[in-house]
């Protein structure tokens, strides 16, 4: 994996839409750390966390992984201090209600 730019002494943030087994993200974090990054935080919308992904993340150099509750991972994340789950349930329910009532969803983000 190649890193573009200078990350030495910096805190890095990775943003992605989905994490499944965690392998790609862990490799990216390892590459950043190898190039001098101090800490690496990862923000993911959908945390699939298949197989032993949560255990691999816990053992990795990731400082903190933030995922949403778009997928229920409560059983997988309860023993991990590195994974934080943010609830988007109220946002999703409001979006569904607005769609059902033919109201603007984009107004949720203004």
PDB file of N, CA and C in Angstrom:
ATOM      1  N   UNK A   1       0.843  -1.169   0.000  1.00  0.00           N
ATOM      2  CA  UNK A   1       0.000   0.000   0.000  1.00  0.00           C
ATOM      3  C   UNK A   1       0.894   1.240   0.000  1.00  0.00           C
ATOM      4  N   UNK A   2       0.545   2.207  -0.833  1.00  0.00           N
ATOM      5  CA  UNK A   2       1.328   3.430  -0.952  1.00  0.00           C
ATOM      6  C   UNK A   2       0.625   4.588  -0.264  1.00  0.00           C
ATOM      7  N   UNK A   3       1.402   5.426   0.379  1.00  0.00           N
ATOM      8  CA  UNK A   3       0.890   6.629   1.031  1.00  0.00           C
ATOM      9  C   UNK A   3       1.370   7.836   0.235  1.00  0.00           C
ATOM     10  N   UNK A   4       0.458   8.706  -0.130  1.00  0.00           N
ATOM     11  CA  UNK A   4       0.805   9.941  -0.823  1.00  0.00           C
ATOM     12  C   UNK A   4       0.800  11.066   0.199  1.00  0.00           C
ATOM     13  N   UNK A   5       1.866  11.841   0.234  1.00  0.00           N
ATOM     14  CA  UNK A   5       1.956  12.948   1.168  1.00  0.00           C
ATOM     15  C   UNK A   5       2.725  12.574   2.414  1.00  0.00           C
ATOM     16  N   UNK A   6       2.978  13.584   3.232  1.00  0.00           N
ATOM     17  CA  UNK A   6       3.762  13.415   4.447  1.00  0.00           C
ATOM     18  C   UNK A   6       2.831  13.283   5.652  1.00  0.00           C
ATOM     19  N   UNK A   7       2.855  12.140   6.308  1.00  0.00           N
ATOM     20  CA  UNK A   7       2.006  11.915   7.485  1.00  0.00           C
ATOM     21  C   UNK A   7       2.815  11.869   8.775  1.00  0.00           C
ATOM     22  N   UNK A   8       4.124  12.033   8.647  1.00  0.00           N
ATOM     23  CA  UNK A   8       4.994  11.933   9.818  1.00  0.00           C
ATOM     24  C   UNK A   8       4.590  12.952  10.888  1.00  0.00           C
ATOM     25  N   UNK A   9       4.344  12.444  12.098  1.00  0.00           N
ATOM     26  CA  UNK A   9       3.987  13.286  13.227  1.00  0.00           C
ATOM     27  C   UNK A   9       2.553  13.783  13.221  1.00  0.00           C
ATOM     28  N   UNK A  10       1.728  13.261  12.314  1.00  0.00           N
ATOM     29  CA  UNK A  10       0.358  13.752  12.174  1.00  0.00           C
ATOM     30  C   UNK A  10      -0.664  12.732  12.626  1.00  0.00           C
ATOM     31  N   UNK A  11      -1.839  13.240  12.977  1.00  0.00           N
ATOM     32  CA  UNK A  11      -2.999  12.397  13.251  1.00  0.00           C
ATOM     33  C   UNK A  11      -3.762  12.261  11.945  1.00  0.00           C
ATOM     34  N   UNK A  12      -4.049  11.032  11.547  1.00  0.00           N
ATOM     35  CA  UNK A  12      -4.709  10.772  10.269  1.00  0.00           C
ATOM     36  C   UNK A  12      -6.144  10.295  10.495  1.00  0.00           C
ATOM     37  N   UNK A  13      -6.994  10.614   9.533  1.00  0.00           N
ATOM     38  CA  UNK A  13      -8.392  10.201   9.570  1.00  0.00           C
ATOM     39  C   UNK A  13      -8.708   9.498   8.264  1.00  0.00           C
ATOM     40  N   UNK A  14      -9.276   8.303   8.371  1.00  0.00           N
ATOM     41  CA  UNK A  14      -9.733   7.554   7.202  1.00  0.00           C
ATOM     42  C   UNK A  14     -11.257   7.551   7.248  1.00  0.00           C
ATOM     43  N   UNK A  15     -11.889   7.911   6.130  1.00  0.00           N
ATOM     44  CA  UNK A  15     -13.349   7.906   6.013  1.00  0.00           C
ATOM     45  C   UNK A  15     -13.716   6.972   4.871  1.00  0.00           C
ATOM     46  N   UNK A  16     -14.632   6.048   5.136  1.00  0.00           N
ATOM     47  CA  UNK A  16     -15.046   5.103   4.095  1.00  0.00           C
ATOM     48  C   UNK A  16     -16.513   4.759   4.306  1.00  0.00           C
ATOM     49  N   UNK A  17     -17.094   4.119   3.304  1.00  0.00           N
ATOM     50  CA  UNK A  17     -18.508   3.790   3.395  1.00  0.00           C
ATOM     51  C   UNK A  17     -18.775   2.472   4.100  1.00  0.00           C
ATOM     52  N   UNK A  18     -17.857   1.504   3.994  1.00  0.00           N
ATOM     53  CA  UNK A  18     -18.147   0.171   4.536  1.00  0.00           C
ATOM     54  C   UNK A  18     -16.861  -0.517   4.984  1.00  0.00           C
ATOM     55  N   UNK A  19     -16.987  -1.289   6.042  1.00  0.00           N
ATOM     56  CA  UNK A  19     -15.884  -2.138   6.487  1.00  0.00           C
ATOM     57  C   UNK A  19     -16.460  -3.540   6.671  1.00  0.00           C
ATOM     58  N   UNK A  20     -15.814  -4.510   6.060  1.00  0.00           N
ATOM     59  CA  UNK A  20     -16.293  -5.885   6.143  1.00  0.00           C
ATOM     60  C   UNK A  20     -15.376  -6.685   7.060  1.00  0.00           C
ATOM     61  N   UNK A  21     -14.323  -7.247   6.523  1.00  0.00           N
ATOM     62  CA  UNK A  21     -13.415  -8.057   7.352  1.00  0.00           C
ATOM     63  C   UNK A  21     -12.406  -7.198   8.099  1.00  0.00           C
ATOM     64  N   UNK A  22     -12.209  -5.965   7.636  1.00  0.00           N
ATOM     65  CA  UNK A  22     -11.261  -5.056   8.273  1.00  0.00           C
ATOM     66  C   UNK A  22      -9.868  -5.096   7.697  1.00  0.00           C
ATOM     67  N   UNK A  23      -9.582  -6.034   6.831  1.00  0.00           N
ATOM     68  CA  UNK A  23      -8.233  -6.216   6.307  1.00  0.00           C
ATOM     69  C   UNK A  23      -7.677  -4.996   5.583  1.00  0.00           C
ATOM     70  N   UNK A  24      -8.453  -4.408   4.703  1.00  0.00           N
ATOM     71  CA  UNK A  24      -7.975  -3.263   3.929  1.00  0.00           C
ATOM     72  C   UNK A  24      -7.705  -2.063   4.836  1.00  0.00           C
ATOM     73  N   UNK A  25      -8.606  -1.795   5.754  1.00  0.00           N
ATOM     74  CA  UNK A  25      -8.427  -0.656   6.670  1.00  0.00           C
ATOM     75  C   UNK A  25      -7.218  -0.877   7.562  1.00  0.00           C
ATOM     76  N   UNK A  26      -7.055  -2.072   8.073  1.00  0.00           N
ATOM     77  CA  UNK A  26      -5.902  -2.366   8.935  1.00  0.00           C
ATOM     78  C   UNK A  26      -4.602  -2.201   8.158  1.00  0.00           C
ATOM     79  N   UNK A  27      -4.577  -2.644   6.904  1.00  0.00           N
ATOM     80  CA  UNK A  27      -3.387  -2.449   6.067  1.00  0.00           C
ATOM     81  C   UNK A  27      -3.110  -0.966   5.839  1.00  0.00           C
ATOM     82  N   UNK A  28      -4.153  -0.187   5.617  1.00  0.00           N
ATOM     83  CA  UNK A  28      -3.986   1.255   5.416  1.00  0.00           C
ATOM     84  C   UNK A  28      -3.441   1.910   6.682  1.00  0.00           C
ATOM     85  N   UNK A  29      -3.970   1.525   7.824  1.00  0.00           N
ATOM     86  CA  UNK A  29      -3.490   2.073   9.096  1.00  0.00           C
ATOM     87  C   UNK A  29      -2.030   1.693   9.326  1.00  0.00           C
ATOM     88  N   UNK A  30      -1.683   0.446   9.057  1.00  0.00           N
ATOM     89  CA  UNK A  30      -0.288   0.002   9.205  1.00  0.00           C
ATOM     90  C   UNK A  30       0.644   0.818   8.312  1.00  0.00           C
ATOM     91  N   UNK A  31       0.204   1.084   7.073  1.00  0.00           N
ATOM     92  CA  UNK A  31       1.034   1.870   6.156  1.00  0.00           C
ATOM     93  C   UNK A  31       1.204   3.301   6.666  1.00  0.00           C
ATOM     94  N   UNK A  32       0.138   3.892   7.179  1.00  0.00           N
ATOM     95  CA  UNK A  32       0.236   5.246   7.732  1.00  0.00           C
ATOM     96  C   UNK A  32       1.172   5.286   8.933  1.00  0.00           C
ATOM     97  N   UNK A  33       1.031   4.320   9.828  1.00  0.00           N
ATOM     98  CA  UNK A  33       1.889   4.265  11.016  1.00  0.00           C
ATOM     99  C   UNK A  33       3.350   4.043  10.612  1.00  0.00           C
ATOM    100  N   UNK A  34       3.578   3.173   9.619  1.00  0.00           N
ATOM    101  CA  UNK A  34       4.934   2.905   9.140  1.00  0.00           C
ATOM    102  C   UNK A  34       5.572   4.164   8.571  1.00  0.00           C
ATOM    103  N   UNK A  35       4.738   5.065   8.044  1.00  0.00           N
ATOM    104  CA  UNK A  35       5.224   6.316   7.473  1.00  0.00           C
ATOM    105  C   UNK A  35       5.217   7.463   8.489  1.00  0.00           C
ATOM    106  N   UNK A  36       5.043   7.137   9.767  1.00  0.00           N
ATOM    107  CA  UNK A  36       5.208   8.132  10.812  1.00  0.00           C
ATOM    108  C   UNK A  36       3.965   8.747  11.403  1.00  0.00           C
ATOM    109  N   UNK A  37       2.777   8.296  11.011  1.00  0.00           N
ATOM    110  CA  UNK A  37       1.548   8.837  11.596  1.00  0.00           C
ATOM    111  C   UNK A  37       1.529   8.552  13.095  1.00  0.00           C
ATOM    112  N   UNK A  38       1.083   9.528  13.859  1.00  0.00           N
ATOM    113  CA  UNK A  38       1.020   9.360  15.311  1.00  0.00           C
ATOM    114  C   UNK A  38      -0.177   8.502  15.686  1.00  0.00           C
ATOM    115  N   UNK A  39      -1.363   8.892  15.239  1.00  0.00           N
ATOM    116  CA  UNK A  39      -2.597   8.154  15.499  1.00  0.00           C
ATOM    117  C   UNK A  39      -3.409   8.102  14.219  1.00  0.00           C
ATOM    118  N   UNK A  40      -4.264   7.062  14.117  1.00  0.00           N
ATOM    119  CA  UNK A  40      -5.158   6.946  12.971  1.00  0.00           C
ATOM    120  C   UNK A  40      -6.554   6.624  13.480  1.00  0.00           C
ATOM    121  N   UNK A  41      -7.490   7.499  13.137  1.00  0.00           N
ATOM    122  CA  UNK A  41      -8.908   7.305  13.450  1.00  0.00           C
ATOM    123  C   UNK A  41      -9.617   6.908  12.169  1.00  0.00           C
ATOM    124  N   UNK A  42     -10.605   6.010  12.289  1.00  0.00           N
ATOM    125  CA  UNK A  42     -11.327   5.516  11.120  1.00  0.00           C
ATOM    126  C   UNK A  42     -12.821   5.743  11.338  1.00  0.00           C
ATOM    127  N   UNK A  43     -13.473   6.360  10.349  1.00  0.00           N
ATOM    128  CA  UNK A  43     -14.908   6.623  10.387  1.00  0.00           C
ATOM    129  C   UNK A  43     -15.567   5.888   9.230  1.00  0.00           C
ATOM    130  N   UNK A  44     -16.516   5.005   9.558  1.00  0.00           N
ATOM    131  CA  UNK A  44     -17.157   4.156   8.559  1.00  0.00           C
ATOM    132  C   UNK A  44     -18.676   4.259   8.716  1.00  0.00           C
ATOM    133  N   UNK A  45     -19.387   4.353   7.606  1.00  0.00           N
ATOM    134  CA  UNK A  45     -20.844   4.414   7.674  1.00  0.00           C
ATOM    135  C   UNK A  45     -21.445   3.062   8.051  1.00  0.00           C
ATOM    136  N   UNK A  46     -21.108   2.030   7.297  1.00  0.00           N
ATOM    137  CA  UNK A  46     -21.719   0.712   7.511  1.00  0.00           C
ATOM    138  C   UNK A  46     -20.664  -0.292   7.975  1.00  0.00           C
ATOM    139  N   UNK A  47     -20.771  -0.727   9.207  1.00  0.00           N
ATOM    140  CA  UNK A  47     -19.832  -1.696   9.758  1.00  0.00           C
ATOM    141  C   UNK A  47     -20.373  -3.107   9.648  1.00  0.00           C
ATOM    142  N   UNK A  48     -19.997  -3.816   8.597  1.00  0.00           N
ATOM    143  CA  UNK A  48     -20.424  -5.211   8.442  1.00  0.00           C
ATOM    144  C   UNK A  48     -19.748  -6.069   9.508  1.00  0.00           C
ATOM    145  N   UNK A  49     -18.443  -5.889   9.683  1.00  0.00           N
ATOM    146  CA  UNK A  49     -17.644  -6.600  10.687  1.00  0.00           C
ATOM    147  C   UNK A  49     -17.856  -8.110  10.641  1.00  0.00           C
ATOM    148  N   UNK A  50     -17.632  -8.693   9.473  1.00  0.00           N
ATOM    149  CA  UNK A  50     -17.812 -10.134   9.324  1.00  0.00           C
ATOM    150  C   UNK A  50     -16.672 -10.908   9.981  1.00  0.00           C
ATOM    151  N   UNK A  51     -16.961 -12.147  10.313  1.00  0.00           N
ATOM    152  CA  UNK A  51     -15.961 -13.040  10.909  1.00  0.00           C
ATOM    153  C   UNK A  51     -15.359 -12.466  12.174  1.00  0.00           C
ATOM    154  N   UNK A  52     -14.033 -12.459  12.240  1.00  0.00           N
ATOM    155  CA  UNK A  52     -13.338 -11.974  13.435  1.00  0.00           C
ATOM    156  C   UNK A  52     -12.840 -10.530  13.267  1.00  0.00           C
ATOM    157  N   UNK A  53     -13.553  -9.747  12.460  1.00  0.00           N
ATOM    158  CA  UNK A  53     -13.144  -8.362  12.178  1.00  0.00           C
ATOM    159  C   UNK A  53     -12.995  -7.541  13.455  1.00  0.00           C
ATOM    160  N   UNK A  54     -13.935  -7.651  14.378  1.00  0.00           N
ATOM    161  CA  UNK A  54     -13.869  -6.851  15.612  1.00  0.00           C
ATOM    162  C   UNK A  54     -12.609  -7.195  16.412  1.00  0.00           C
ATOM    163  N   UNK A  55     -12.259  -8.461  16.470  1.00  0.00           N
ATOM    164  CA  UNK A  55     -11.044  -8.878  17.185  1.00  0.00           C
ATOM    165  C   UNK A  55      -9.796  -8.344  16.488  1.00  0.00           C
ATOM    166  N   UNK A  56      -9.781  -8.404  15.154  1.00  0.00           N
ATOM    167  CA  UNK A  56      -8.636  -7.886  14.398  1.00  0.00           C
ATOM    168  C   UNK A  56      -8.485  -6.385  14.604  1.00  0.00           C
ATOM    169  N   UNK A  57      -9.594  -5.685  14.636  1.00  0.00           N
ATOM    170  CA  UNK A  57      -9.554  -4.235  14.851  1.00  0.00           C
ATOM    171  C   UNK A  57      -9.038  -3.921  16.249  1.00  0.00           C
ATOM    172  N   UNK A  58      -9.493  -4.679  17.228  1.00  0.00           N
ATOM    173  CA  UNK A  58      -9.053  -4.466  18.610  1.00  0.00           C
ATOM    174  C   UNK A  58      -7.540  -4.650  18.735  1.00  0.00           C
ATOM    175  N   UNK A  59      -6.972  -5.586  17.986  1.00  0.00           N
ATOM    176  CA  UNK A  59      -5.531  -5.849  18.045  1.00  0.00           C
ATOM    177  C   UNK A  59      -4.720  -4.932  17.130  1.00  0.00           C
ATOM    178  N   UNK A  60      -5.399  -4.176  16.287  1.00  0.00           N
ATOM    179  CA  UNK A  60      -4.710  -3.352  15.285  1.00  0.00           C
ATOM    180  C   UNK A  60      -4.168  -2.058  15.890  1.00  0.00           C
ATOM    181  N   UNK A  61      -3.531  -1.261  15.026  1.00  0.00           N
ATOM    182  CA  UNK A  61      -2.979   0.032  15.423  1.00  0.00           C
ATOM    183  C   UNK A  61      -3.992   1.168  15.269  1.00  0.00           C
ATOM    184  N   UNK A  62      -5.231   0.829  14.963  1.00  0.00           N
ATOM    185  CA  UNK A  62      -6.285   1.841  14.875  1.00  0.00           C
ATOM    186  C   UNK A  62      -6.486   2.443  16.263  1.00  0.00           C
ATOM    187  N   UNK A  63      -6.511   3.759  16.330  1.00  0.00           N
ATOM    188  CA  UNK A  63      -6.750   4.431  17.606  1.00  0.00           C
ATOM    189  C   UNK A  63      -8.220   4.297  18.001  1.00  0.00           C
ATOM    190  N   UNK A  64      -9.139   4.561  17.050  1.00  0.00           N
ATOM    191  CA  UNK A  64     -10.562   4.433  17.303  1.00  0.00           C
ATOM    192  C   UNK A  64     -11.270   4.230  15.976  1.00  0.00           C
ATOM    193  N   UNK A  65     -12.209   3.287  15.942  1.00  0.00           N
ATOM    194  CA  UNK A  65     -13.064   3.054  14.785  1.00  0.00           C
ATOM    195  C   UNK A  65     -14.465   3.498  15.168  1.00  0.00           C
ATOM    196  N   UNK A  66     -15.010   4.439  14.409  1.00  0.00           N
ATOM    197  CA  UNK A  66     -16.363   4.934  14.638  1.00  0.00           C
ATOM    198  C   UNK A  66     -17.242   4.405  13.511  1.00  0.00           C
ATOM    199  N   UNK A  67     -18.322   3.695  13.865  1.00  0.00           N
ATOM    200  CA  UNK A  67     -19.277   3.188  12.885  1.00  0.00           C
ATOM    201  C   UNK A  67     -20.678   3.619  13.313  1.00  0.00           C
ATOM    202  N   UNK A  68     -21.624   3.525  12.386  1.00  0.00           N
ATOM    203  CA  UNK A  68     -23.013   3.805  12.732  1.00  0.00           C
ATOM    204  C   UNK A  68     -23.722   2.489  13.053  1.00  0.00           C
ATOM    205  N   UNK A  69     -24.931   2.622  13.552  1.00  0.00           N
ATOM    206  CA  UNK A  69     -25.726   1.434  13.851  1.00  0.00           C
ATOM    207  C   UNK A  69     -26.645   1.055  12.691  1.00  0.00           C
ATOM    208  N   UNK A  70     -26.227   1.381  11.462  1.00  0.00           N
ATOM    209  CA  UNK A  70     -27.011   0.977  10.290  1.00  0.00           C
ATOM    210  C   UNK A  70     -27.065  -0.550  10.174  1.00  0.00           C
ATOM    211  N   UNK A  71     -26.111  -1.207  10.801  1.00  0.00           N
ATOM    212  CA  UNK A  71     -26.084  -2.673  10.928  1.00  0.00           C
ATOM    213  C   UNK A  71     -25.898  -2.960  12.414  1.00  0.00           C
ATOM    214  N   UNK A  72     -26.714  -3.840  12.954  1.00  0.00           N
ATOM    215  CA  UNK A  72     -26.616  -4.146  14.386  1.00  0.00           C
ATOM    216  C   UNK A  72     -25.375  -5.007  14.655  1.00  0.00           C
ATOM    217  N   UNK A  73     -24.420  -4.427  15.361  1.00  0.00           N
ATOM    218  CA  UNK A  73     -23.190  -5.128  15.723  1.00  0.00           C
ATOM    219  C   UNK A  73     -23.014  -5.213  17.230  1.00  0.00           C
ATOM    220  N   UNK A  74     -24.097  -5.085  17.971  1.00  0.00           N
ATOM    221  CA  UNK A  74     -23.991  -5.028  19.429  1.00  0.00           C
ATOM    222  C   UNK A  74     -23.292  -6.255  20.019  1.00  0.00           C
ATOM    223  N   UNK A  75     -23.505  -7.415  19.451  1.00  0.00           N
ATOM    224  CA  UNK A  75     -22.830  -8.616  19.962  1.00  0.00           C
ATOM    225  C   UNK A  75     -21.349  -8.638  19.603  1.00  0.00           C
ATOM    226  N   UNK A  76     -21.000  -8.055  18.461  1.00  0.00           N
ATOM    227  CA  UNK A  76     -19.612  -8.087  17.993  1.00  0.00           C
ATOM    228  C   UNK A  76     -18.744  -7.022  18.650  1.00  0.00           C
ATOM    229  N   UNK A  77     -19.336  -5.917  19.083  1.00  0.00           N
ATOM    230  CA  UNK A  77     -18.546  -4.787  19.556  1.00  0.00           C
ATOM    231  C   UNK A  77     -18.539  -4.627  21.071  1.00  0.00           C
ATOM    232  N   UNK A  78     -19.255  -5.465  21.791  1.00  0.00           N
ATOM    233  CA  UNK A  78     -19.368  -5.261  23.245  1.00  0.00           C
ATOM    234  C   UNK A  78     -18.052  -5.471  23.992  1.00  0.00           C
ATOM    235  N   UNK A  79     -17.123  -6.232  23.462  1.00  0.00           N
ATOM    236  CA  UNK A  79     -15.846  -6.479  24.141  1.00  0.00           C
ATOM    237  C   UNK A  79     -14.676  -5.747  23.498  1.00  0.00           C
ATOM    238  N   UNK A  80     -14.973  -4.690  22.756  1.00  0.00           N
ATOM    239  CA  UNK A  80     -13.915  -3.950  22.090  1.00  0.00           C
ATOM    240  C   UNK A  80     -13.932  -2.492  22.535  1.00  0.00           C
ATOM    241  N   UNK A  81     -12.795  -2.008  22.968  1.00  0.00           N
ATOM    242  CA  UNK A  81     -12.700  -0.612  23.399  1.00  0.00           C
ATOM    243  C   UNK A  81     -12.394   0.321  22.236  1.00  0.00           C
ATOM    244  N   UNK A  82     -11.970  -0.222  21.106  1.00  0.00           N
ATOM    245  CA  UNK A  82     -11.587   0.612  19.972  1.00  0.00           C
ATOM    246  C   UNK A  82     -12.746   0.940  19.038  1.00  0.00           C
ATOM    247  N   UNK A  83     -13.876   0.262  19.181  1.00  0.00           N
ATOM    248  CA  UNK A  83     -15.008   0.479  18.280  1.00  0.00           C
ATOM    249  C   UNK A  83     -16.100   1.241  19.013  1.00  0.00           C
ATOM    250  N   UNK A  84     -16.482   2.376  18.425  1.00  0.00           N
ATOM    251  CA  UNK A  84     -17.569   3.186  18.985  1.00  0.00           C
ATOM    252  C   UNK A  84     -18.696   3.225  17.959  1.00  0.00           C
ATOM    253  N   UNK A  85     -19.923   3.028  18.422  1.00  0.00           N
ATOM    254  CA  UNK A  85     -21.082   2.995  17.538  1.00  0.00           C
ATOM    255  C   UNK A  85     -21.931   4.243  17.778  1.00  0.00           C
ATOM    256  N   UNK A  86     -22.190   4.969  16.694  1.00  0.00           N
ATOM    257  CA  UNK A  86     -23.055   6.146  16.750  1.00  0.00           C
ATOM    258  C   UNK A  86     -24.423   5.791  16.188  1.00  0.00           C
ATOM    259  N   UNK A  87     -25.465   6.187  16.878  1.00  0.00           N
ATOM    260  CA  UNK A  87     -26.821   5.885  16.420  1.00  0.00           C
ATOM    261  C   UNK A  87     -27.278   6.872  15.357  1.00  0.00           C
ATOM    262  N   UNK A  88     -27.815   6.340  14.284  1.00  0.00           N
ATOM    263  CA  UNK A  88     -28.433   7.161  13.251  1.00  0.00           C
ATOM    264  C   UNK A  88     -29.914   6.809  13.120  1.00  0.00           C
ATOM    265  N   UNK A  89     -30.471   6.134  14.122  1.00  0.00           N
ATOM    266  CA  UNK A  89     -31.853   5.667  14.042  1.00  0.00           C
ATOM    267  C   UNK A  89     -32.846   6.813  13.893  1.00  0.00           C
ATOM    268  N   UNK A  90     -32.665   7.914  14.626  1.00  0.00           N
ATOM    269  CA  UNK A  90     -33.616   9.024  14.500  1.00  0.00           C
ATOM    270  C   UNK A  90     -33.519   9.676  13.124  1.00  0.00           C
ATOM    271  N   UNK A  91     -32.306   9.780  12.590  1.00  0.00           N
ATOM    272  CA  UNK A  91     -32.121  10.332  11.248  1.00  0.00           C
ATOM    273  C   UNK A  91     -32.793   9.442  10.203  1.00  0.00           C
ATOM    274  N   UNK A  92     -32.584   8.145  10.304  1.00  0.00           N
ATOM    275  CA  UNK A  92     -33.179   7.217   9.344  1.00  0.00           C
ATOM    276  C   UNK A  92     -34.707   7.220   9.439  1.00  0.00           C
ATOM    277  N   UNK A  93     -35.245   7.232  10.653  1.00  0.00           N
ATOM    278  CA  UNK A  93     -36.708   7.220  10.797  1.00  0.00           C
ATOM    279  C   UNK A  93     -37.314   8.502  10.245  1.00  0.00           C
ATOM    280  N   UNK A  94     -36.657   9.636  10.475  1.00  0.00           N
ATOM    281  CA  UNK A  94     -37.157  10.899   9.932  1.00  0.00           C
ATOM    282  C   UNK A  94     -37.089  10.900   8.404  1.00  0.00           C
ATOM    283  N   UNK A  95     -36.025  10.352   7.835  1.00  0.00           N
ATOM    284  CA  UNK A  95     -35.902  10.275   6.379  1.00  0.00           C
ATOM    285  C   UNK A  95     -37.012   9.399   5.793  1.00  0.00           C
ATOM    286  N   UNK A  96     -37.273   8.267   6.416  1.00  0.00           N
ATOM    287  CA  UNK A  96     -38.334   7.366   5.934  1.00  0.00           C
ATOM    288  C   UNK A  96     -39.689   8.059   6.024  1.00  0.00           C
ATOM    289  N   UNK A  97     -39.937   8.745   7.128  1.00  0.00           N
ATOM    290  CA  UNK A  97     -41.203   9.463   7.300  1.00  0.00           C
ATOM    291  C   UNK A  97     -41.362  10.537   6.222  1.00  0.00           C
ATOM    292  N   UNK A  98     -40.283  11.296   5.951  1.00  0.00           N
ATOM    293  CA  UNK A  98     -40.349  12.346   4.937  1.00  0.00           C
ATOM    294  C   UNK A  98     -40.596  11.768   3.542  1.00  0.00           C
ATOM    295  N   UNK A  99     -39.963  10.652   3.242  1.00  0.00           N
ATOM    296  CA  UNK A  99     -40.177  10.014   1.942  1.00  0.00           C
ATOM    297  C   UNK A  99     -41.622   9.555   1.813  1.00  0.00           C
ATOM    298  N   UNK A 100     -42.139   8.929   2.863  1.00  0.00           N
ATOM    299  CA  UNK A 100     -43.515   8.438   2.849  1.00  0.00           C
ATOM    300  C   UNK A 100     -44.521   9.575   2.697  1.00  0.00           C
ATOM    301  N   UNK A 101     -44.197  10.748   3.228  1.00  0.00           N
ATOM    302  CA  UNK A 101     -45.098  11.903   3.163  1.00  0.00           C
ATOM    303  C   UNK A 101     -44.759  12.866   2.030  1.00  0.00           C
ATOM    304  N   UNK A 102     -43.861  12.448   1.125  1.00  0.00           N
ATOM    305  CA  UNK A 102     -43.418  13.263  -0.014  1.00  0.00           C
ATOM    306  C   UNK A 102     -42.859  14.615   0.418  1.00  0.00           C
ATOM    307  N   UNK A 103     -42.112  14.621   1.530  1.00  0.00           N
ATOM    308  CA  UNK A 103     -41.435  15.827   2.006  1.00  0.00           C
ATOM    309  C   UNK A 103     -39.948  15.751   1.679  1.00  0.00           C
ATOM    310  N   UNK A 104     -39.270  16.860   1.808  1.00  0.00           N
ATOM    311  CA  UNK A 104     -37.858  16.944   1.464  1.00  0.00           C
ATOM    312  C   UNK A 104     -36.978  16.196   2.464  1.00  0.00           C
ATOM    313  N   UNK A 105     -36.137  15.320   1.944  1.00  0.00           N
ATOM    314  CA  UNK A 105     -35.133  14.654   2.774  1.00  0.00           C
ATOM    315  C   UNK A 105     -33.897  15.540   2.886  1.00  0.00           C
ATOM    316  N   UNK A 106     -33.594  16.280   1.842  1.00  0.00           N
ATOM    317  CA  UNK A 106     -32.398  17.128   1.857  1.00  0.00           C
ATOM    318  C   UNK A 106     -32.493  18.217   2.930  1.00  0.00           C
ATOM    319  N   UNK A 107     -33.694  18.603   3.330  1.00  0.00           N
ATOM    320  CA  UNK A 107     -33.840  19.591   4.404  1.00  0.00           C
ATOM    321  C   UNK A 107     -33.291  19.082   5.737  1.00  0.00           C
ATOM    322  N   UNK A 108     -33.148  17.779   5.879  1.00  0.00           N
ATOM    323  CA  UNK A 108     -32.560  17.214   7.104  1.00  0.00           C
ATOM    324  C   UNK A 108     -31.114  17.657   7.278  1.00  0.00           C
ATOM    325  N   UNK A 109     -30.467  18.031   6.203  1.00  0.00           N
ATOM    326  CA  UNK A 109     -29.029  18.333   6.238  1.00  0.00           C
ATOM    327  C   UNK A 109     -28.736  19.826   6.106  1.00  0.00           C
ATOM    328  N   UNK A 110     -29.740  20.652   6.278  1.00  0.00           N
ATOM    329  CA  UNK A 110     -29.548  22.108   6.245  1.00  0.00           C
ATOM    330  C   UNK A 110     -29.352  22.656   7.635  1.00  0.00           C
TER     331      UNK A 110
END
